[in-house]
Amino acid sequence: MSDYRIVCVNRLDTSLAHRHVTDVGTENARGEMRRWSAVEVRDAMCRGDGFYTISPTTNEIAKVEAFGCSCGLKTI
Protein backbone atom coordinates (compact mmCIF):
# COMPACT_ATOMS: atom_id res chain seq x y z
CA MET A 1 0.00 0.00 0.00
CA SER A 2 1.26 3.44 -0.93
CA ASP A 3 0.31 7.07 -0.47
CA TYR A 4 0.21 9.43 -3.42
CA ARG A 5 0.12 13.21 -3.42
CA ILE A 6 -2.18 14.63 -6.09
CA VAL A 7 -0.40 17.55 -7.74
CA CYS A 8 -2.80 18.29 -10.64
CA VAL A 9 -6.32 17.45 -11.79
CA ASN A 10 -8.38 17.48 -14.97
CA ARG A 11 -12.13 17.97 -14.89
CA LEU A 12 -14.98 17.54 -17.36
CA ASP A 13 -15.54 20.87 -19.05
CA THR A 14 -19.20 21.30 -18.15
CA SER A 15 -20.76 24.00 -16.00
CA LEU A 16 -18.69 25.49 -13.17
CA ALA A 17 -21.28 24.20 -10.68
CA HIS A 18 -21.02 20.62 -11.92
CA ARG A 19 -17.48 19.57 -12.91
CA HIS A 20 -16.20 16.05 -12.24
CA VAL A 21 -12.57 15.05 -11.78
CA THR A 22 -11.64 12.84 -14.74
CA ASP A 23 -7.98 12.21 -13.99
CA VAL A 24 -5.17 13.31 -11.71
CA GLY A 25 -1.41 13.55 -11.66
CA THR A 26 0.39 12.21 -8.59
CA GLU A 27 3.82 12.21 -7.05
CA ASN A 28 4.91 9.47 -4.66
CA ALA A 29 7.50 9.63 -1.84
CA ARG A 30 10.30 8.88 -4.36
CA GLY A 31 9.27 11.80 -6.58
CA GLU A 32 7.90 9.58 -9.35
CA MET A 33 5.06 11.10 -11.37
CA ARG A 34 2.02 9.24 -12.70
CA ARG A 35 -1.30 10.05 -14.38
CA TRP A 36 -4.38 8.20 -13.03
CA SER A 37 -7.99 8.15 -14.20
CA ALA A 38 -10.59 8.71 -11.48
CA VAL A 39 -11.58 5.04 -11.89
CA GLU A 40 -7.98 3.94 -11.32
CA VAL A 41 -7.78 6.10 -8.17
CA ARG A 42 -11.00 4.59 -6.81
CA ASP A 43 -9.73 1.06 -7.54
CA ALA A 44 -6.38 1.79 -5.85
CA MET A 45 -8.17 3.20 -2.79
CA CYS A 46 -10.19 -0.03 -2.55
CA ARG A 47 -6.88 -1.92 -2.48
CA GLY A 48 -5.66 0.26 0.41
CA ASP A 49 -3.67 2.99 -1.34
CA GLY A 50 -4.12 6.54 -0.11
CA PHE A 51 -4.40 9.81 -2.04
CA TYR A 52 -4.15 13.33 -0.66
CA THR A 53 -3.60 16.94 -1.63
CA ILE A 54 -1.81 19.78 0.13
CA SER A 55 -3.20 23.30 0.05
CA PRO A 56 -0.68 25.69 -1.54
CA THR A 57 -1.86 28.53 0.71
CA THR A 58 -2.35 26.85 4.10
CA ASN A 59 -0.22 23.68 3.71
CA GLU A 60 -3.15 21.68 5.12
CA ILE A 61 -3.49 18.08 3.98
CA ALA A 62 -6.81 16.86 2.59
CA LYS A 63 -7.47 13.15 2.15
CA VAL A 64 -9.11 12.23 -1.17
CA GLU A 65 -12.28 10.16 -0.94
CA ALA A 66 -14.47 8.31 -3.42
CA PHE A 67 -17.56 10.28 -4.39
CA GLY A 68 -20.78 9.21 -6.07
CA CYS A 69 -22.44 12.23 -7.67
CA SER A 70 -26.21 12.57 -7.73
CA CYS A 71 -25.96 12.46 -11.55
CA GLY A 72 -24.72 8.85 -11.24
CA LEU A 73 -21.03 9.37 -12.02
CA LYS A 74 -18.56 7.74 -9.62
CA THR A 75 -15.56 10.01 -9.13
CA ILE A 76 -13.27 11.29 -6.39
PDB file of N, CA and C in Angstrom:
ATOM      1  N   MET A   1       0.840  -1.178   0.000  1.00  0.00           N
ATOM      2  CA  MET A   1       0.000   0.000   0.000  1.00  0.00           C
ATOM      3  C   MET A   1       0.886   1.242   0.000  1.00  0.00           C
ATOM      4  N   SER A   2       0.477   2.221  -0.779  1.00  0.00           N
ATOM      5  CA  SER A   2       1.258   3.439  -0.932  1.00  0.00           C
ATOM      6  C   SER A   2       0.366   4.654  -0.764  1.00  0.00           C
ATOM      7  N   ASP A   3       1.006   5.780  -0.509  1.00  0.00           N
ATOM      8  CA  ASP A   3       0.312   7.066  -0.469  1.00  0.00           C
ATOM      9  C   ASP A   3       0.817   7.918  -1.615  1.00  0.00           C
ATOM     10  N   TYR A   4      -0.110   8.611  -2.263  1.00  0.00           N
ATOM     11  CA  TYR A   4       0.215   9.429  -3.418  1.00  0.00           C
ATOM     12  C   TYR A   4      -0.325  10.842  -3.211  1.00  0.00           C
ATOM     13  N   ARG A   5       0.529  11.807  -3.479  1.00  0.00           N
ATOM     14  CA  ARG A   5       0.116  13.207  -3.415  1.00  0.00           C
ATOM     15  C   ARG A   5      -0.386  13.634  -4.789  1.00  0.00           C
ATOM     16  N   ILE A   6      -1.620  14.114  -4.843  1.00  0.00           N
ATOM     17  CA  ILE A   6      -2.175  14.628  -6.094  1.00  0.00           C
ATOM     18  C   ILE A   6      -1.643  16.039  -6.300  1.00  0.00           C
ATOM     19  N   VAL A   7      -1.013  16.255  -7.454  1.00  0.00           N
ATOM     20  CA  VAL A   7      -0.403  17.552  -7.742  1.00  0.00           C
ATOM     21  C   VAL A   7      -1.106  18.306  -8.869  1.00  0.00           C
ATOM     22  N   CYS A   8      -2.008  17.620  -9.604  1.00  0.00           N
ATOM     23  CA  CYS A   8      -2.796  18.294 -10.638  1.00  0.00           C
ATOM     24  C   CYS A   8      -4.038  17.471 -10.934  1.00  0.00           C
ATOM     25  N   VAL A   9      -5.079  18.144 -11.436  1.00  0.00           N
ATOM     26  CA  VAL A   9      -6.322  17.449 -11.792  1.00  0.00           C
ATOM     27  C   VAL A   9      -6.852  17.960 -13.115  1.00  0.00           C
ATOM     28  N   ASN A  10      -7.598  17.094 -13.801  1.00  0.00           N
ATOM     29  CA  ASN A  10      -8.379  17.483 -14.973  1.00  0.00           C
ATOM     30  C   ASN A  10      -9.839  17.234 -14.634  1.00  0.00           C
ATOM     31  N   ARG A  11     -10.698  18.090 -15.145  1.00  0.00           N
ATOM     32  CA  ARG A  11     -12.132  17.974 -14.890  1.00  0.00           C
ATOM     33  C   ARG A  11     -12.891  18.020 -16.213  1.00  0.00           C
ATOM     34  N   LEU A  12     -14.085  17.403 -16.198  1.00  0.00           N
ATOM     35  CA  LEU A  12     -14.976  17.541 -17.358  1.00  0.00           C
ATOM     36  C   LEU A  12     -15.286  19.010 -17.555  1.00  0.00           C
ATOM     37  N   ASP A  13     -15.279  19.459 -18.760  1.00  0.00           N
ATOM     38  CA  ASP A  13     -15.540  20.866 -19.051  1.00  0.00           C
ATOM     39  C   ASP A  13     -17.038  21.084 -19.243  1.00  0.00           C
ATOM     40  N   THR A  14     -17.756  21.037 -18.127  1.00  0.00           N
ATOM     41  CA  THR A  14     -19.195  21.304 -18.153  1.00  0.00           C
ATOM     42  C   THR A  14     -19.432  22.621 -17.430  1.00  0.00           C
ATOM     43  N   SER A  15     -20.500  22.748 -16.722  1.00  0.00           N
ATOM     44  CA  SER A  15     -20.755  23.996 -16.002  1.00  0.00           C
ATOM     45  C   SER A  15     -19.843  24.089 -14.785  1.00  0.00           C
ATOM     46  N   LEU A  16     -19.556  25.301 -14.340  1.00  0.00           N
ATOM     47  CA  LEU A  16     -18.694  25.493 -13.168  1.00  0.00           C
ATOM     48  C   LEU A  16     -19.293  24.866 -11.917  1.00  0.00           C
ATOM     49  N   ALA A  17     -20.614  24.769 -11.852  1.00  0.00           N
ATOM     50  CA  ALA A  17     -21.275  24.204 -10.679  1.00  0.00           C
ATOM     51  C   ALA A  17     -21.272  22.679 -10.680  1.00  0.00           C
ATOM     52  N   HIS A  18     -20.936  22.073 -11.818  1.00  0.00           N
ATOM     53  CA  HIS A  18     -21.022  20.615 -11.916  1.00  0.00           C
ATOM     54  C   HIS A  18     -19.867  20.094 -12.773  1.00  0.00           C
ATOM     55  N   ARG A  19     -18.671  20.025 -12.184  1.00  0.00           N
ATOM     56  CA  ARG A  19     -17.483  19.571 -12.909  1.00  0.00           C
ATOM     57  C   ARG A  19     -16.874  18.387 -12.168  1.00  0.00           C
ATOM     58  N   HIS A  20     -16.760  17.258 -12.848  1.00  0.00           N
ATOM     59  CA  HIS A  20     -16.204  16.053 -12.236  1.00  0.00           C
ATOM     60  C   HIS A  20     -14.723  15.921 -12.536  1.00  0.00           C
ATOM     61  N   VAL A  21     -13.969  15.389 -11.560  1.00  0.00           N
ATOM     62  CA  VAL A  21     -12.567  15.050 -11.783  1.00  0.00           C
ATOM     63  C   VAL A  21     -12.528  13.840 -12.710  1.00  0.00           C
ATOM     64  N   THR A  22     -11.778  13.947 -13.796  1.00  0.00           N
ATOM     65  CA  THR A  22     -11.645  12.841 -14.738  1.00  0.00           C
ATOM     66  C   THR A  22     -10.339  12.088 -14.545  1.00  0.00           C
ATOM     67  N   ASP A  23      -9.269  12.839 -14.245  1.00  0.00           N
ATOM     68  CA  ASP A  23      -7.985  12.208 -13.993  1.00  0.00           C
ATOM     69  C   ASP A  23      -7.101  13.143 -13.176  1.00  0.00           C
ATOM     70  N   VAL A  24      -6.059  12.553 -12.585  1.00  0.00           N
ATOM     71  CA  VAL A  24      -5.167  13.308 -11.709  1.00  0.00           C
ATOM     72  C   VAL A  24      -3.723  12.947 -12.023  1.00  0.00           C
ATOM     73  N   GLY A  25      -2.834  13.826 -11.623  1.00  0.00           N
ATOM     74  CA  GLY A  25      -1.405  13.548 -11.658  1.00  0.00           C
ATOM     75  C   GLY A  25      -0.924  13.432 -10.224  1.00  0.00           C
ATOM     76  N   THR A  26      -0.092  12.417  -9.950  1.00  0.00           N
ATOM     77  CA  THR A  26       0.394  12.205  -8.595  1.00  0.00           C
ATOM     78  C   THR A  26       1.914  12.196  -8.565  1.00  0.00           C
ATOM     79  N   GLU A  27       2.407  12.361  -7.329  1.00  0.00           N
ATOM     80  CA  GLU A  27       3.822  12.208  -7.052  1.00  0.00           C
ATOM     81  C   GLU A  27       3.935  11.359  -5.799  1.00  0.00           C
ATOM     82  N   ASN A  28       4.760  10.307  -5.843  1.00  0.00           N
ATOM     83  CA  ASN A  28       4.913   9.471  -4.658  1.00  0.00           C
ATOM     84  C   ASN A  28       6.113   9.938  -3.832  1.00  0.00           C
ATOM     85  N   ALA A  29       6.426   9.240  -2.753  1.00  0.00           N
ATOM     86  CA  ALA A  29       7.500   9.632  -1.844  1.00  0.00           C
ATOM     87  C   ALA A  29       8.864   9.656  -2.532  1.00  0.00           C
ATOM     88  N   ARG A  30       9.033   8.904  -3.611  1.00  0.00           N
ATOM     89  CA  ARG A  30      10.297   8.883  -4.357  1.00  0.00           C
ATOM     90  C   ARG A  30      10.350   9.960  -5.448  1.00  0.00           C
ATOM     91  N   GLY A  31       9.302  10.749  -5.578  1.00  0.00           N
ATOM     92  CA  GLY A  31       9.272  11.803  -6.585  1.00  0.00           C
ATOM     93  C   GLY A  31       8.847  11.343  -7.959  1.00  0.00           C
ATOM     94  N   GLU A  32       8.339  10.117  -8.065  1.00  0.00           N
ATOM     95  CA  GLU A  32       7.900   9.584  -9.348  1.00  0.00           C
ATOM     96  C   GLU A  32       6.508  10.103  -9.672  1.00  0.00           C
ATOM     97  N   MET A  33       6.327  10.540 -10.917  1.00  0.00           N
ATOM     98  CA  MET A  33       5.055  11.099 -11.369  1.00  0.00           C
ATOM     99  C   MET A  33       4.246  10.029 -12.106  1.00  0.00           C
ATOM    100  N   ARG A  34       2.918  10.157 -12.000  1.00  0.00           N
ATOM    101  CA  ARG A  34       2.021   9.238 -12.703  1.00  0.00           C
ATOM    102  C   ARG A  34       0.677   9.926 -12.948  1.00  0.00           C
ATOM    103  N   ARG A  35       0.054   9.586 -14.074  1.00  0.00           N
ATOM    104  CA  ARG A  35      -1.302  10.050 -14.379  1.00  0.00           C
ATOM    105  C   ARG A  35      -2.254   8.899 -14.098  1.00  0.00           C
ATOM    106  N   TRP A  36      -3.373   9.194 -13.395  1.00  0.00           N
ATOM    107  CA  TRP A  36      -4.385   8.197 -13.034  1.00  0.00           C
ATOM    108  C   TRP A  36      -5.760   8.693 -13.488  1.00  0.00           C
ATOM    109  N   SER A  37      -6.588   7.798 -13.974  1.00  0.00           N
ATOM    110  CA  SER A  37      -7.993   8.154 -14.196  1.00  0.00           C
ATOM    111  C   SER A  37      -8.683   8.112 -12.837  1.00  0.00           C
ATOM    112  N   ALA A  38      -9.839   8.750 -12.731  1.00  0.00           N
ATOM    113  CA  ALA A  38     -10.594   8.711 -11.477  1.00  0.00           C
ATOM    114  C   ALA A  38     -10.971   7.274 -11.125  1.00  0.00           C
ATOM    115  N   VAL A  39     -11.251   6.449 -12.119  1.00  0.00           N
ATOM    116  CA  VAL A  39     -11.575   5.041 -11.888  1.00  0.00           C
ATOM    117  C   VAL A  39     -10.368   4.309 -11.304  1.00  0.00           C
ATOM    118  N   GLU A  40      -9.190   4.572 -11.842  1.00  0.00           N
ATOM    119  CA  GLU A  40      -7.977   3.937 -11.316  1.00  0.00           C
ATOM    120  C   GLU A  40      -7.712   4.346  -9.872  1.00  0.00           C
ATOM    121  N   VAL A  41      -7.961   5.621  -9.552  1.00  0.00           N
ATOM    122  CA  VAL A  41      -7.778   6.099  -8.170  1.00  0.00           C
ATOM    123  C   VAL A  41      -8.746   5.375  -7.246  1.00  0.00           C
ATOM    124  N   ARG A  42     -10.006   5.290  -7.643  1.00  0.00           N
ATOM    125  CA  ARG A  42     -11.002   4.595  -6.812  1.00  0.00           C
ATOM    126  C   ARG A  42     -10.615   3.129  -6.601  1.00  0.00           C
ATOM    127  N   ASP A  43     -10.158   2.458  -7.655  1.00  0.00           N
ATOM    128  CA  ASP A  43      -9.734   1.061  -7.537  1.00  0.00           C
ATOM    129  C   ASP A  43      -8.539   0.933  -6.591  1.00  0.00           C
ATOM    130  N   ALA A  44      -7.568   1.829  -6.712  1.00  0.00           N
ATOM    131  CA  ALA A  44      -6.383   1.789  -5.853  1.00  0.00           C
ATOM    132  C   ALA A  44      -6.767   2.036  -4.393  1.00  0.00           C
ATOM    133  N   MET A  45      -7.719   2.932  -4.162  1.00  0.00           N
ATOM    134  CA  MET A  45      -8.168   3.196  -2.790  1.00  0.00           C
ATOM    135  C   MET A  45      -8.837   1.963  -2.205  1.00  0.00           C
ATOM    136  N   CYS A  46      -9.569   1.216  -3.020  1.00  0.00           N
ATOM    137  CA  CYS A  46     -10.188  -0.031  -2.555  1.00  0.00           C
ATOM    138  C   CYS A  46      -9.142  -1.069  -2.175  1.00  0.00           C
ATOM    139  N   ARG A  47      -7.971  -0.995  -2.796  1.00  0.00           N
ATOM    140  CA  ARG A  47      -6.883  -1.925  -2.480  1.00  0.00           C
ATOM    141  C   ARG A  47      -6.045  -1.439  -1.288  1.00  0.00           C
ATOM    142  N   GLY A  48      -6.356  -0.250  -0.768  1.00  0.00           N
ATOM    143  CA  GLY A  48      -5.655   0.256   0.409  1.00  0.00           C
ATOM    144  C   GLY A  48      -4.690   1.396   0.173  1.00  0.00           C
ATOM    145  N   ASP A  49      -4.534   1.839  -1.079  1.00  0.00           N
ATOM    146  CA  ASP A  49      -3.670   2.988  -1.341  1.00  0.00           C
ATOM    147  C   ASP A  49      -4.367   4.269  -0.898  1.00  0.00           C
ATOM    148  N   GLY A  50      -3.580   5.265  -0.550  1.00  0.00           N
ATOM    149  CA  GLY A  50      -4.125   6.543  -0.110  1.00  0.00           C
ATOM    150  C   GLY A  50      -3.755   7.661  -1.067  1.00  0.00           C
ATOM    151  N   PHE A  51      -4.636   8.634  -1.195  1.00  0.00           N
ATOM    152  CA  PHE A  51      -4.405   9.806  -2.039  1.00  0.00           C
ATOM    153  C   PHE A  51      -4.727  11.044  -1.216  1.00  0.00           C
ATOM    154  N   TYR A  52      -3.938  12.096  -1.421  1.00  0.00           N
ATOM    155  CA  TYR A  52      -4.147  13.325  -0.659  1.00  0.00           C
ATOM    156  C   TYR A  52      -3.668  14.515  -1.473  1.00  0.00           C
ATOM    157  N   THR A  53      -4.079  15.689  -1.044  1.00  0.00           N
ATOM    158  CA  THR A  53      -3.605  16.938  -1.627  1.00  0.00           C
ATOM    159  C   THR A  53      -3.084  17.815  -0.492  1.00  0.00           C
ATOM    160  N   ILE A  54      -2.296  18.801  -0.847  1.00  0.00           N
ATOM    161  CA  ILE A  54      -1.807  19.776   0.125  1.00  0.00           C
ATOM    162  C   ILE A  54      -2.156  21.160  -0.393  1.00  0.00           C
ATOM    163  N   SER A  55      -2.826  21.950   0.435  1.00  0.00           N
ATOM    164  CA  SER A  55      -3.200  23.303   0.046  1.00  0.00           C
ATOM    165  C   SER A  55      -1.945  24.154  -0.165  1.00  0.00           C
ATOM    166  N   PRO A  56      -1.855  24.834  -1.305  1.00  0.00           N
ATOM    167  CA  PRO A  56      -0.683  25.689  -1.538  1.00  0.00           C
ATOM    168  C   PRO A  56      -0.670  26.943  -0.670  1.00  0.00           C
ATOM    169  N   THR A  57      -1.808  27.324  -0.113  1.00  0.00           N
ATOM    170  CA  THR A  57      -1.858  28.534   0.706  1.00  0.00           C
ATOM    171  C   THR A  57      -1.781  28.270   2.201  1.00  0.00           C
ATOM    172  N   THR A  58      -2.341  27.132   2.656  1.00  0.00           N
ATOM    173  CA  THR A  58      -2.351  26.848   4.097  1.00  0.00           C
ATOM    174  C   THR A  58      -1.482  25.662   4.483  1.00  0.00           C
ATOM    175  N   ASN A  59      -1.002  24.910   3.496  1.00  0.00           N
ATOM    176  CA  ASN A  59      -0.223  23.679   3.714  1.00  0.00           C
ATOM    177  C   ASN A  59      -1.006  22.599   4.450  1.00  0.00           C
ATOM    178  N   GLU A  60      -2.333  22.717   4.486  1.00  0.00           N
ATOM    179  CA  GLU A  60      -3.153  21.680   5.115  1.00  0.00           C
ATOM    180  C   GLU A  60      -3.311  20.503   4.166  1.00  0.00           C
ATOM    181  N   ILE A  61      -3.325  19.303   4.746  1.00  0.00           N
ATOM    182  CA  ILE A  61      -3.487  18.081   3.981  1.00  0.00           C
ATOM    183  C   ILE A  61      -4.959  17.696   3.943  1.00  0.00           C
ATOM    184  N   ALA A  62      -5.435  17.336   2.757  1.00  0.00           N
ATOM    185  CA  ALA A  62      -6.810  16.859   2.593  1.00  0.00           C
ATOM    186  C   ALA A  62      -6.767  15.468   1.981  1.00  0.00           C
ATOM    187  N   LYS A  63      -7.392  14.509   2.650  1.00  0.00           N
ATOM    188  CA  LYS A  63      -7.471  13.148   2.149  1.00  0.00           C
ATOM    189  C   LYS A  63      -8.509  13.084   1.035  1.00  0.00           C
ATOM    190  N   VAL A  64      -8.191  12.391  -0.045  1.00  0.00           N
ATOM    191  CA  VAL A  64      -9.107  12.226  -1.172  1.00  0.00           C
ATOM    192  C   VAL A  64     -10.023  11.044  -0.871  1.00  0.00           C
ATOM    193  N   GLU A  65     -11.289  11.209  -1.180  1.00  0.00           N
ATOM    194  CA  GLU A  65     -12.280  10.161  -0.941  1.00  0.00           C
ATOM    195  C   GLU A  65     -13.057   9.876  -2.218  1.00  0.00           C
ATOM    196  N   ALA A  66     -13.586   8.668  -2.303  1.00  0.00           N
ATOM    197  CA  ALA A  66     -14.470   8.311  -3.415  1.00  0.00           C
ATOM    198  C   ALA A  66     -15.769   9.100  -3.268  1.00  0.00           C
ATOM    199  N   PHE A  67     -16.349   9.473  -4.410  1.00  0.00           N
ATOM    200  CA  PHE A  67     -17.562  10.281  -4.395  1.00  0.00           C
ATOM    201  C   PHE A  67     -18.496   9.788  -5.482  1.00  0.00           C
ATOM    202  N   GLY A  68     -19.750   9.562  -5.103  1.00  0.00           N
ATOM    203  CA  GLY A  68     -20.777   9.213  -6.066  1.00  0.00           C
ATOM    204  C   GLY A  68     -21.709  10.402  -6.242  1.00  0.00           C
ATOM    205  N   CYS A  69     -21.646  11.026  -7.391  1.00  0.00           N
ATOM    206  CA  CYS A  69     -22.444  12.228  -7.666  1.00  0.00           C
ATOM    207  C   CYS A  69     -23.915  11.852  -7.841  1.00  0.00           C
ATOM    208  N   SER A  70     -24.773  12.787  -7.560  1.00  0.00           N
ATOM    209  CA  SER A  70     -26.214  12.567  -7.735  1.00  0.00           C
ATOM    210  C   SER A  70     -26.583  12.325  -9.199  1.00  0.00           C
ATOM    211  N   CYS A  71     -25.696  12.706 -10.123  1.00  0.00           N
ATOM    212  CA  CYS A  71     -25.959  12.456 -11.551  1.00  0.00           C
ATOM    213  C   CYS A  71     -25.624  11.012 -11.924  1.00  0.00           C
ATOM    214  N   GLY A  72     -25.030  10.253 -10.988  1.00  0.00           N
ATOM    215  CA  GLY A  72     -24.717   8.850 -11.239  1.00  0.00           C
ATOM    216  C   GLY A  72     -23.259   8.554 -11.494  1.00  0.00           C
ATOM    217  N   LEU A  73     -22.441   9.584 -11.744  1.00  0.00           N
ATOM    218  CA  LEU A  73     -21.033   9.369 -12.022  1.00  0.00           C
ATOM    219  C   LEU A  73     -20.274   9.067 -10.720  1.00  0.00           C
ATOM    220  N   LYS A  74     -19.398   8.071 -10.770  1.00  0.00           N
ATOM    221  CA  LYS A  74     -18.556   7.739  -9.620  1.00  0.00           C
ATOM    222  C   LYS A  74     -17.197   8.376  -9.856  1.00  0.00           C
ATOM    223  N   THR A  75     -16.796   9.251  -8.957  1.00  0.00           N
ATOM    224  CA  THR A  75     -15.561  10.012  -9.130  1.00  0.00           C
ATOM    225  C   THR A  75     -14.843  10.090  -7.789  1.00  0.00           C
ATOM    226  N   ILE A  76     -13.974  11.067  -7.650  1.00  0.00           N
ATOM    227  CA  ILE A  76     -13.267  11.289  -6.392  1.00  0.00           C
ATOM    228  C   ILE A  76     -13.443  12.733  -5.965  1.00  0.00           C
TER     229      ILE A  76
END
